[in-house]
Amino acid sequence: MTRTAPPAAARRHTVVDSPCGPLTLVATGGVLSGLYMAGQRHRPAQEEFGPREDRPFQEAADQLAAYFAGTRTVFDLELRLDGTPFQRSVWELLRTVPYGETRTYGRLAEALGRPGASRAVGLANGRNPVGIIVPCHRVIGASGSLTGYGGGIDRKRALLAHERAQGRDASALF
């Protein structure tokens, strides 16, 4: 099923600084619907983000700052996750992977009741529109390898190291 993107007029965006570079936050109808890193694979075109407006993003920016400071391990934000039903089920499952832990694509497929769907889980993972908050960086290959990440393997490695550091200064990790 293909979904049509809402008109840019229904969207707003802002850019916040982070240890892993600028993050573009996008809201659709006032609800966070995107978090994109510079150079990210599957990043929508800039004109799809709508006008820049900082006000509706304060809570998301505050929670991201706390995450990078090591004082927040769970995000508590309303999200609009536009995708196919299967993609949305994968993204909801990603939100249950605990901070500082990892899961394999196969284990996620099994948790969805589709043990042969690890490749499909990987494809849905790669289309996650709200990285970091929906922690797709916590998914690894069956061998424990750091397989693909839309934001780049170096960022994935840094995010995982940050979470394992349990609140120590993360600035040196990125």
N, C-alpha and C. Protein backbone atom coordinates (compact mmCIF):
# COMPACT_ATOMS: atom_id res chain seq x y z
N MET A 1 0.85 -1.18 0.00
CA MET A 1 0.00 0.00 0.00
C MET A 1 0.89 1.23 0.00
N THR A 2 0.63 2.16 -0.90
CA THR A 2 1.40 3.40 -0.96
C THR A 2 0.60 4.49 -0.29
N ARG A 3 1.25 5.25 0.54
CA ARG A 3 0.59 6.37 1.19
C ARG A 3 1.07 7.64 0.54
N THR A 4 0.17 8.57 0.37
CA THR A 4 0.55 9.86 -0.18
C THR A 4 0.96 10.75 0.98
N ALA A 5 2.05 11.45 0.79
CA ALA A 5 2.53 12.34 1.84
C ALA A 5 1.55 13.49 2.03
N PRO A 6 1.30 13.90 3.28
CA PRO A 6 0.43 15.05 3.50
C PRO A 6 1.05 16.29 2.86
N PRO A 7 0.23 17.25 2.49
CA PRO A 7 0.80 18.46 1.89
C PRO A 7 1.76 19.14 2.84
N ALA A 8 2.78 19.77 2.25
CA ALA A 8 3.78 20.46 3.07
C ALA A 8 3.15 21.48 4.00
N ALA A 9 2.00 22.04 3.60
CA ALA A 9 1.32 23.03 4.44
C ALA A 9 0.93 22.43 5.79
N ALA A 10 0.70 21.11 5.85
CA ALA A 10 0.32 20.46 7.10
C ALA A 10 1.55 20.11 7.94
N ARG A 11 2.72 20.37 7.39
CA ARG A 11 3.96 20.02 8.08
C ARG A 11 4.73 21.25 8.51
N ARG A 12 5.51 21.07 9.56
CA ARG A 12 6.45 22.07 10.05
C ARG A 12 7.73 21.34 10.39
N HIS A 13 8.84 22.07 10.43
CA HIS A 13 10.10 21.43 10.81
C HIS A 13 10.97 22.41 11.58
N THR A 14 11.95 21.84 12.23
CA THR A 14 13.01 22.61 12.87
C THR A 14 14.27 21.77 12.78
N VAL A 15 15.38 22.39 13.10
CA VAL A 15 16.67 21.68 13.13
C VAL A 15 17.27 21.90 14.51
N VAL A 16 17.66 20.81 15.17
CA VAL A 16 18.30 20.91 16.48
C VAL A 16 19.70 20.32 16.38
N ASP A 17 20.60 20.88 17.14
CA ASP A 17 21.96 20.36 17.20
C ASP A 17 21.99 19.13 18.09
N SER A 18 22.89 18.22 17.77
CA SER A 18 23.08 17.03 18.59
C SER A 18 24.52 16.58 18.43
N PRO A 19 24.99 15.72 19.31
CA PRO A 19 26.35 15.20 19.17
C PRO A 19 26.58 14.44 17.87
N CYS A 20 25.52 13.95 17.23
CA CYS A 20 25.70 13.23 15.96
C CYS A 20 25.33 14.10 14.77
N GLY A 21 25.37 15.41 14.96
CA GLY A 21 25.10 16.35 13.88
C GLY A 21 23.71 16.92 13.97
N PRO A 22 23.38 17.81 13.05
CA PRO A 22 22.05 18.42 13.07
C PRO A 22 20.96 17.38 12.82
N LEU A 23 19.87 17.51 13.56
CA LEU A 23 18.73 16.63 13.40
C LEU A 23 17.54 17.47 12.93
N THR A 24 16.92 17.07 11.85
CA THR A 24 15.73 17.76 11.36
C THR A 24 14.52 17.05 11.92
N LEU A 25 13.74 17.78 12.70
CA LEU A 25 12.50 17.26 13.28
C LEU A 25 11.35 17.76 12.43
N VAL A 26 10.42 16.87 12.09
CA VAL A 26 9.27 17.21 11.26
C VAL A 26 8.00 16.84 12.03
N ALA A 27 7.03 17.75 12.00
CA ALA A 27 5.72 17.47 12.59
C ALA A 27 4.68 17.54 11.50
N THR A 28 3.74 16.63 11.57
CA THR A 28 2.59 16.62 10.66
C THR A 28 1.36 16.80 11.52
N GLY A 29 0.62 17.86 11.26
CA GLY A 29 -0.56 18.13 12.09
C GLY A 29 -0.21 18.33 13.55
N GLY A 30 0.98 18.87 13.82
CA GLY A 30 1.41 19.14 15.19
C GLY A 30 2.00 17.96 15.92
N VAL A 31 2.12 16.79 15.27
CA VAL A 31 2.64 15.58 15.91
C VAL A 31 3.95 15.19 15.23
N LEU A 32 4.95 14.84 16.02
CA LEU A 32 6.26 14.46 15.48
C LEU A 32 6.11 13.29 14.52
N SER A 33 6.57 13.49 13.28
CA SER A 33 6.45 12.45 12.26
C SER A 33 7.78 12.15 11.58
N GLY A 34 8.82 12.88 11.93
CA GLY A 34 10.11 12.62 11.31
C GLY A 34 11.26 13.13 12.15
N LEU A 35 12.36 12.40 12.12
CA LEU A 35 13.63 12.83 12.69
C LEU A 35 14.68 12.32 11.71
N TYR A 36 15.36 13.26 11.06
CA TYR A 36 16.30 12.90 10.01
C TYR A 36 17.67 13.50 10.28
N MET A 37 18.69 12.70 10.02
CA MET A 37 20.08 13.12 10.16
C MET A 37 20.59 13.63 8.82
N ALA A 38 21.61 14.45 8.86
CA ALA A 38 22.24 14.93 7.63
C ALA A 38 22.78 13.72 6.87
N GLY A 39 22.51 13.67 5.58
CA GLY A 39 23.01 12.58 4.75
C GLY A 39 22.31 11.26 4.94
N GLN A 40 21.20 11.25 5.64
CA GLN A 40 20.50 10.00 5.93
C GLN A 40 19.87 9.41 4.67
N ARG A 41 20.00 8.11 4.55
CA ARG A 41 19.33 7.38 3.47
C ARG A 41 17.83 7.48 3.69
N HIS A 42 17.05 7.56 2.64
CA HIS A 42 15.59 7.66 2.68
C HIS A 42 15.10 8.96 3.32
N ARG A 43 15.94 9.96 3.34
CA ARG A 43 15.53 11.27 3.86
C ARG A 43 14.66 11.95 2.79
N PRO A 44 13.47 12.40 3.17
CA PRO A 44 12.63 13.11 2.19
C PRO A 44 13.30 14.40 1.72
N ALA A 45 12.81 14.91 0.61
CA ALA A 45 13.32 16.17 0.08
C ALA A 45 12.96 17.30 1.05
N GLN A 46 13.84 18.27 1.17
CA GLN A 46 13.68 19.39 2.10
C GLN A 46 12.31 20.08 1.95
N GLU A 47 11.84 20.24 0.72
CA GLU A 47 10.57 20.94 0.51
C GLU A 47 9.38 20.19 1.08
N GLU A 48 9.53 18.91 1.39
CA GLU A 48 8.45 18.14 2.00
C GLU A 48 8.32 18.40 3.51
N PHE A 49 9.30 19.08 4.10
CA PHE A 49 9.29 19.30 5.55
C PHE A 49 8.39 20.46 5.97
N GLY A 50 7.96 21.30 5.04
CA GLY A 50 7.15 22.46 5.39
C GLY A 50 8.00 23.57 5.96
N PRO A 51 7.36 24.66 6.37
CA PRO A 51 8.11 25.81 6.88
C PRO A 51 8.81 25.50 8.21
N ARG A 52 9.84 26.28 8.49
CA ARG A 52 10.57 26.11 9.75
C ARG A 52 9.81 26.84 10.86
N GLU A 53 9.68 26.14 11.97
CA GLU A 53 8.99 26.70 13.13
C GLU A 53 9.47 25.94 14.36
N ASP A 54 10.07 26.63 15.29
CA ASP A 54 10.68 25.95 16.44
C ASP A 54 9.70 25.57 17.54
N ARG A 55 8.66 26.36 17.75
CA ARG A 55 7.77 26.21 18.90
C ARG A 55 7.19 24.81 19.10
N PRO A 56 6.65 24.14 18.08
CA PRO A 56 6.00 22.85 18.36
C PRO A 56 6.97 21.71 18.70
N PHE A 57 8.25 21.98 18.67
CA PHE A 57 9.24 20.92 18.85
C PHE A 57 9.97 20.98 20.18
N GLN A 58 9.56 21.86 21.07
CA GLN A 58 10.33 22.05 22.30
C GLN A 58 10.45 20.78 23.13
N GLU A 59 9.34 20.04 23.29
CA GLU A 59 9.39 18.82 24.10
C GLU A 59 10.30 17.77 23.46
N ALA A 60 10.21 17.61 22.16
CA ALA A 60 11.09 16.65 21.47
C ALA A 60 12.54 17.07 21.60
N ALA A 61 12.82 18.36 21.42
CA ALA A 61 14.20 18.86 21.55
C ALA A 61 14.71 18.65 22.97
N ASP A 62 13.88 18.90 23.97
CA ASP A 62 14.29 18.70 25.36
C ASP A 62 14.58 17.23 25.65
N GLN A 63 13.72 16.33 25.16
CA GLN A 63 13.93 14.91 25.41
C GLN A 63 15.17 14.40 24.68
N LEU A 64 15.42 14.88 23.47
CA LEU A 64 16.64 14.50 22.76
C LEU A 64 17.88 15.00 23.50
N ALA A 65 17.84 16.23 24.00
CA ALA A 65 18.98 16.77 24.76
C ALA A 65 19.24 15.91 26.00
N ALA A 66 18.17 15.51 26.69
CA ALA A 66 18.32 14.66 27.88
C ALA A 66 18.87 13.28 27.49
N TYR A 67 18.44 12.74 26.37
CA TYR A 67 18.96 11.46 25.88
C TYR A 67 20.47 11.57 25.66
N PHE A 68 20.88 12.61 24.94
CA PHE A 68 22.30 12.77 24.65
C PHE A 68 23.11 13.11 25.90
N ALA A 69 22.47 13.70 26.90
CA ALA A 69 23.15 13.99 28.17
C ALA A 69 23.24 12.73 29.04
N GLY A 70 22.54 11.68 28.65
CA GLY A 70 22.57 10.43 29.41
C GLY A 70 21.58 10.39 30.55
N THR A 71 20.62 11.33 30.58
CA THR A 71 19.66 11.36 31.68
C THR A 71 18.27 10.86 31.26
N ARG A 72 18.09 10.51 30.01
CA ARG A 72 16.81 9.97 29.53
C ARG A 72 17.09 8.68 28.77
N THR A 73 16.36 7.63 29.14
CA THR A 73 16.53 6.35 28.46
C THR A 73 15.29 5.93 27.68
N VAL A 74 14.17 6.62 27.91
CA VAL A 74 12.91 6.32 27.22
C VAL A 74 12.31 7.64 26.75
N PHE A 75 11.84 7.66 25.52
CA PHE A 75 11.17 8.85 24.99
C PHE A 75 9.67 8.74 25.25
N ASP A 76 9.07 9.85 25.61
CA ASP A 76 7.64 9.91 25.89
C ASP A 76 7.05 11.02 25.02
N LEU A 77 6.91 10.72 23.73
CA LEU A 77 6.41 11.68 22.77
C LEU A 77 5.32 11.05 21.92
N GLU A 78 4.32 11.83 21.59
CA GLU A 78 3.32 11.36 20.64
C GLU A 78 3.98 11.35 19.26
N LEU A 79 3.77 10.27 18.52
CA LEU A 79 4.38 10.13 17.20
C LEU A 79 3.32 9.82 16.16
N ARG A 80 3.56 10.29 14.97
CA ARG A 80 2.75 9.90 13.81
C ARG A 80 3.68 9.11 12.90
N LEU A 81 3.48 7.80 12.86
CA LEU A 81 4.34 6.93 12.08
C LEU A 81 3.58 6.48 10.84
N ASP A 82 3.80 7.18 9.73
CA ASP A 82 3.13 6.85 8.48
C ASP A 82 3.90 5.78 7.73
N GLY A 83 3.24 4.69 7.44
CA GLY A 83 3.85 3.59 6.71
C GLY A 83 2.82 2.49 6.52
N THR A 84 3.26 1.39 5.97
CA THR A 84 2.35 0.25 5.80
C THR A 84 2.05 -0.35 7.17
N PRO A 85 1.01 -1.16 7.27
CA PRO A 85 0.73 -1.81 8.56
C PRO A 85 1.93 -2.63 9.07
N PHE A 86 2.62 -3.33 8.16
CA PHE A 86 3.79 -4.11 8.59
C PHE A 86 4.89 -3.19 9.11
N GLN A 87 5.18 -2.11 8.38
CA GLN A 87 6.21 -1.17 8.84
C GLN A 87 5.86 -0.62 10.22
N ARG A 88 4.62 -0.21 10.39
CA ARG A 88 4.22 0.34 11.70
C ARG A 88 4.36 -0.69 12.81
N SER A 89 4.07 -1.96 12.51
CA SER A 89 4.23 -3.00 13.54
C SER A 89 5.70 -3.16 13.91
N VAL A 90 6.59 -3.08 12.93
CA VAL A 90 8.03 -3.16 13.21
C VAL A 90 8.45 -1.96 14.05
N TRP A 91 8.03 -0.77 13.67
CA TRP A 91 8.44 0.45 14.39
C TRP A 91 7.92 0.45 15.83
N GLU A 92 6.71 -0.06 16.03
CA GLU A 92 6.19 -0.16 17.40
C GLU A 92 7.00 -1.17 18.21
N LEU A 93 7.38 -2.26 17.58
CA LEU A 93 8.21 -3.26 18.26
C LEU A 93 9.58 -2.69 18.61
N LEU A 94 10.15 -1.88 17.72
CA LEU A 94 11.45 -1.26 18.00
C LEU A 94 11.40 -0.44 19.29
N ARG A 95 10.27 0.18 19.55
CA ARG A 95 10.14 1.02 20.75
C ARG A 95 10.19 0.21 22.03
N THR A 96 10.08 -1.13 21.93
CA THR A 96 10.15 -1.98 23.13
C THR A 96 11.56 -2.49 23.40
N VAL A 97 12.49 -2.25 22.47
CA VAL A 97 13.87 -2.71 22.69
C VAL A 97 14.49 -1.78 23.74
N PRO A 98 14.90 -2.33 24.89
CA PRO A 98 15.39 -1.49 25.97
C PRO A 98 16.66 -0.71 25.62
N TYR A 99 16.77 0.44 26.21
CA TYR A 99 17.96 1.30 26.12
C TYR A 99 19.21 0.48 26.44
N GLY A 100 20.22 0.62 25.61
CA GLY A 100 21.49 -0.07 25.85
C GLY A 100 21.52 -1.52 25.42
N GLU A 101 20.41 -2.03 24.88
CA GLU A 101 20.36 -3.42 24.42
C GLU A 101 20.18 -3.46 22.91
N THR A 102 20.40 -4.62 22.33
CA THR A 102 20.20 -4.80 20.90
C THR A 102 19.34 -6.03 20.66
N ARG A 103 18.76 -6.08 19.46
CA ARG A 103 18.01 -7.24 19.00
C ARG A 103 18.42 -7.51 17.56
N THR A 104 18.32 -8.75 17.16
CA THR A 104 18.60 -9.08 15.76
C THR A 104 17.31 -8.94 14.95
N TYR A 105 17.50 -8.81 13.64
CA TYR A 105 16.34 -8.75 12.74
C TYR A 105 15.50 -10.01 12.89
N GLY A 106 16.17 -11.16 13.01
CA GLY A 106 15.47 -12.43 13.16
C GLY A 106 14.65 -12.49 14.43
N ARG A 107 15.20 -12.00 15.52
CA ARG A 107 14.47 -12.02 16.79
C ARG A 107 13.24 -11.12 16.71
N LEU A 108 13.36 -9.99 16.03
CA LEU A 108 12.21 -9.11 15.86
C LEU A 108 11.15 -9.78 14.98
N ALA A 109 11.59 -10.45 13.93
CA ALA A 109 10.65 -11.16 13.06
C ALA A 109 9.89 -12.23 13.84
N GLU A 110 10.60 -12.95 14.70
CA GLU A 110 9.96 -13.96 15.53
C GLU A 110 8.94 -13.32 16.47
N ALA A 111 9.30 -12.18 17.07
CA ALA A 111 8.40 -11.49 17.98
C ALA A 111 7.12 -11.03 17.27
N LEU A 112 7.24 -10.78 15.98
CA LEU A 112 6.06 -10.38 15.19
C LEU A 112 5.25 -11.59 14.72
N GLY A 113 5.73 -12.81 15.04
CA GLY A 113 5.05 -14.01 14.61
C GLY A 113 5.32 -14.36 13.16
N ARG A 114 6.41 -13.81 12.62
CA ARG A 114 6.79 -14.06 11.22
C ARG A 114 8.27 -14.41 11.16
N PRO A 115 8.65 -15.59 11.66
CA PRO A 115 10.06 -15.94 11.79
C PRO A 115 10.87 -15.92 10.50
N GLY A 116 10.23 -16.03 9.36
CA GLY A 116 10.96 -15.99 8.10
C GLY A 116 11.07 -14.59 7.50
N ALA A 117 10.67 -13.58 8.24
CA ALA A 117 10.57 -12.23 7.70
C ALA A 117 11.70 -11.29 8.14
N SER A 118 12.86 -11.84 8.47
CA SER A 118 13.93 -10.96 8.97
C SER A 118 14.35 -9.93 7.93
N ARG A 119 14.33 -10.31 6.66
CA ARG A 119 14.68 -9.36 5.60
C ARG A 119 13.64 -8.23 5.52
N ALA A 120 12.37 -8.58 5.61
CA ALA A 120 11.30 -7.58 5.59
C ALA A 120 11.40 -6.66 6.82
N VAL A 121 11.77 -7.23 7.95
CA VAL A 121 11.98 -6.42 9.15
C VAL A 121 13.12 -5.44 8.90
N GLY A 122 14.18 -5.90 8.27
CA GLY A 122 15.30 -5.02 7.95
C GLY A 122 14.90 -3.89 7.03
N LEU A 123 14.09 -4.18 6.04
CA LEU A 123 13.63 -3.14 5.11
C LEU A 123 12.75 -2.13 5.84
N ALA A 124 11.85 -2.59 6.70
CA ALA A 124 11.00 -1.68 7.47
C ALA A 124 11.85 -0.85 8.43
N ASN A 125 12.82 -1.49 9.03
CA ASN A 125 13.73 -0.80 9.95
C ASN A 125 14.43 0.36 9.23
N GLY A 126 14.86 0.11 8.01
CA GLY A 126 15.55 1.12 7.23
C GLY A 126 14.67 2.28 6.81
N ARG A 127 13.37 2.10 6.84
CA ARG A 127 12.41 3.16 6.48
C ARG A 127 11.84 3.87 7.69
N ASN A 128 12.36 3.58 8.87
CA ASN A 128 11.90 4.23 10.09
C ASN A 128 11.99 5.76 9.94
N PRO A 129 10.87 6.48 10.07
CA PRO A 129 10.90 7.92 9.86
C PRO A 129 11.34 8.73 11.09
N VAL A 130 11.47 8.08 12.23
CA VAL A 130 11.78 8.81 13.46
C VAL A 130 12.94 8.13 14.17
N GLY A 131 14.12 8.19 13.53
CA GLY A 131 15.30 7.56 14.10
C GLY A 131 15.59 8.08 15.50
N ILE A 132 16.38 7.35 16.24
CA ILE A 132 16.79 7.59 17.62
C ILE A 132 15.60 7.40 18.55
N ILE A 133 14.51 8.14 18.36
CA ILE A 133 13.34 8.03 19.22
C ILE A 133 12.69 6.66 19.03
N VAL A 134 12.56 6.23 17.80
CA VAL A 134 12.20 4.84 17.48
C VAL A 134 13.55 4.19 17.17
N PRO A 135 14.10 3.47 18.15
CA PRO A 135 15.53 3.12 18.13
C PRO A 135 15.95 2.02 17.16
N CYS A 136 15.91 2.34 15.88
CA CYS A 136 16.33 1.37 14.86
C CYS A 136 17.83 1.10 14.93
N HIS A 137 18.57 1.96 15.60
CA HIS A 137 20.02 1.73 15.76
C HIS A 137 20.30 0.54 16.67
N ARG A 138 19.31 0.05 17.40
CA ARG A 138 19.48 -1.07 18.31
C ARG A 138 19.31 -2.43 17.64
N VAL A 139 19.17 -2.44 16.32
CA VAL A 139 18.99 -3.69 15.59
C VAL A 139 20.30 -4.06 14.90
N ILE A 140 20.70 -5.32 15.10
CA ILE A 140 21.98 -5.80 14.58
C ILE A 140 21.77 -7.07 13.77
N GLY A 141 22.80 -7.46 13.06
CA GLY A 141 22.76 -8.69 12.27
C GLY A 141 22.81 -9.93 13.16
N ALA A 142 22.47 -11.07 12.59
CA ALA A 142 22.45 -12.34 13.33
C ALA A 142 23.80 -12.67 13.95
N SER A 143 24.88 -12.23 13.31
CA SER A 143 26.22 -12.52 13.82
C SER A 143 26.68 -11.51 14.87
N GLY A 144 25.83 -10.52 15.14
CA GLY A 144 26.20 -9.46 16.07
C GLY A 144 26.83 -8.27 15.38
N SER A 145 26.90 -8.32 14.06
CA SER A 145 27.52 -7.24 13.30
C SER A 145 26.60 -6.03 13.22
N LEU A 146 27.22 -4.85 13.09
CA LEU A 146 26.46 -3.62 12.93
C LEU A 146 26.12 -3.46 11.46
N THR A 147 25.03 -4.07 11.07
CA THR A 147 24.59 -4.00 9.69
C THR A 147 24.00 -2.62 9.42
N GLY A 148 23.65 -2.35 8.19
CA GLY A 148 23.20 -1.05 7.72
C GLY A 148 22.44 -0.18 8.69
N TYR A 149 22.61 1.10 8.53
CA TYR A 149 21.90 2.09 9.33
C TYR A 149 21.75 3.33 8.45
N GLY A 150 20.53 3.84 8.33
CA GLY A 150 20.26 4.98 7.47
C GLY A 150 21.11 6.19 7.77
N GLY A 151 21.50 6.34 9.02
CA GLY A 151 22.34 7.47 9.43
C GLY A 151 23.82 7.19 9.32
N GLY A 152 24.18 5.98 8.88
CA GLY A 152 25.58 5.60 8.74
C GLY A 152 26.05 4.73 9.90
N ILE A 153 26.91 3.79 9.60
CA ILE A 153 27.40 2.85 10.61
C ILE A 153 28.15 3.56 11.73
N ASP A 154 28.90 4.61 11.42
CA ASP A 154 29.62 5.33 12.48
C ASP A 154 28.66 5.93 13.49
N ARG A 155 27.53 6.48 13.03
CA ARG A 155 26.53 7.02 13.96
C ARG A 155 25.88 5.91 14.76
N LYS A 156 25.60 4.79 14.10
CA LYS A 156 25.00 3.65 14.81
C LYS A 156 25.94 3.19 15.93
N ARG A 157 27.20 3.04 15.59
CA ARG A 157 28.20 2.62 16.58
C ARG A 157 28.24 3.62 17.75
N ALA A 158 28.21 4.92 17.43
CA ALA A 158 28.27 5.95 18.47
C ALA A 158 27.02 5.94 19.33
N LEU A 159 25.85 5.77 18.73
CA LEU A 159 24.61 5.73 19.52
C LEU A 159 24.60 4.54 20.47
N LEU A 160 25.03 3.38 19.98
CA LEU A 160 25.09 2.20 20.85
C LEU A 160 26.12 2.38 21.96
N ALA A 161 27.27 2.95 21.63
CA ALA A 161 28.30 3.21 22.65
C ALA A 161 27.79 4.20 23.68
N HIS A 162 27.09 5.22 23.22
CA HIS A 162 26.51 6.20 24.14
C HIS A 162 25.56 5.53 25.12
N GLU A 163 24.70 4.66 24.61
CA GLU A 163 23.74 3.99 25.50
C GLU A 163 24.44 3.04 26.46
N ARG A 164 25.49 2.41 26.01
CA ARG A 164 26.23 1.51 26.91
C ARG A 164 27.03 2.27 27.95
N ALA A 165 27.34 3.55 27.65
CA ALA A 165 28.12 4.38 28.60
C ALA A 165 27.28 4.77 29.81
N GLN A 166 25.95 4.59 29.73
CA GLN A 166 25.04 4.88 30.84
C GLN A 166 25.27 6.27 31.46
N GLY A 167 25.20 7.29 30.61
CA GLY A 167 25.19 8.64 31.14
C GLY A 167 26.55 9.33 31.21
N ARG A 168 27.62 8.64 30.89
CA ARG A 168 28.90 9.33 30.87
C ARG A 168 28.91 10.34 29.74
N ASP A 169 29.84 11.24 29.70
CA ASP A 169 29.92 12.26 28.67
C ASP A 169 29.98 11.61 27.30
N ALA A 170 28.96 11.84 26.49
CA ALA A 170 28.88 11.22 25.18
C ALA A 170 29.56 12.03 24.10
N SER A 171 29.97 13.24 24.40
CA SER A 171 30.51 14.11 23.34
C SER A 171 31.72 13.50 22.66
N ALA A 172 32.49 12.71 23.36
CA ALA A 172 33.68 12.10 22.76
C ALA A 172 33.32 10.90 21.87
N LEU A 173 32.09 10.43 21.97
CA LEU A 173 31.69 9.25 21.21
C LEU A 173 31.32 9.58 19.76
N PHE A 174 30.96 10.81 19.49
CA PHE A 174 30.45 11.17 18.16
C PHE A 174 31.52 11.89 17.36
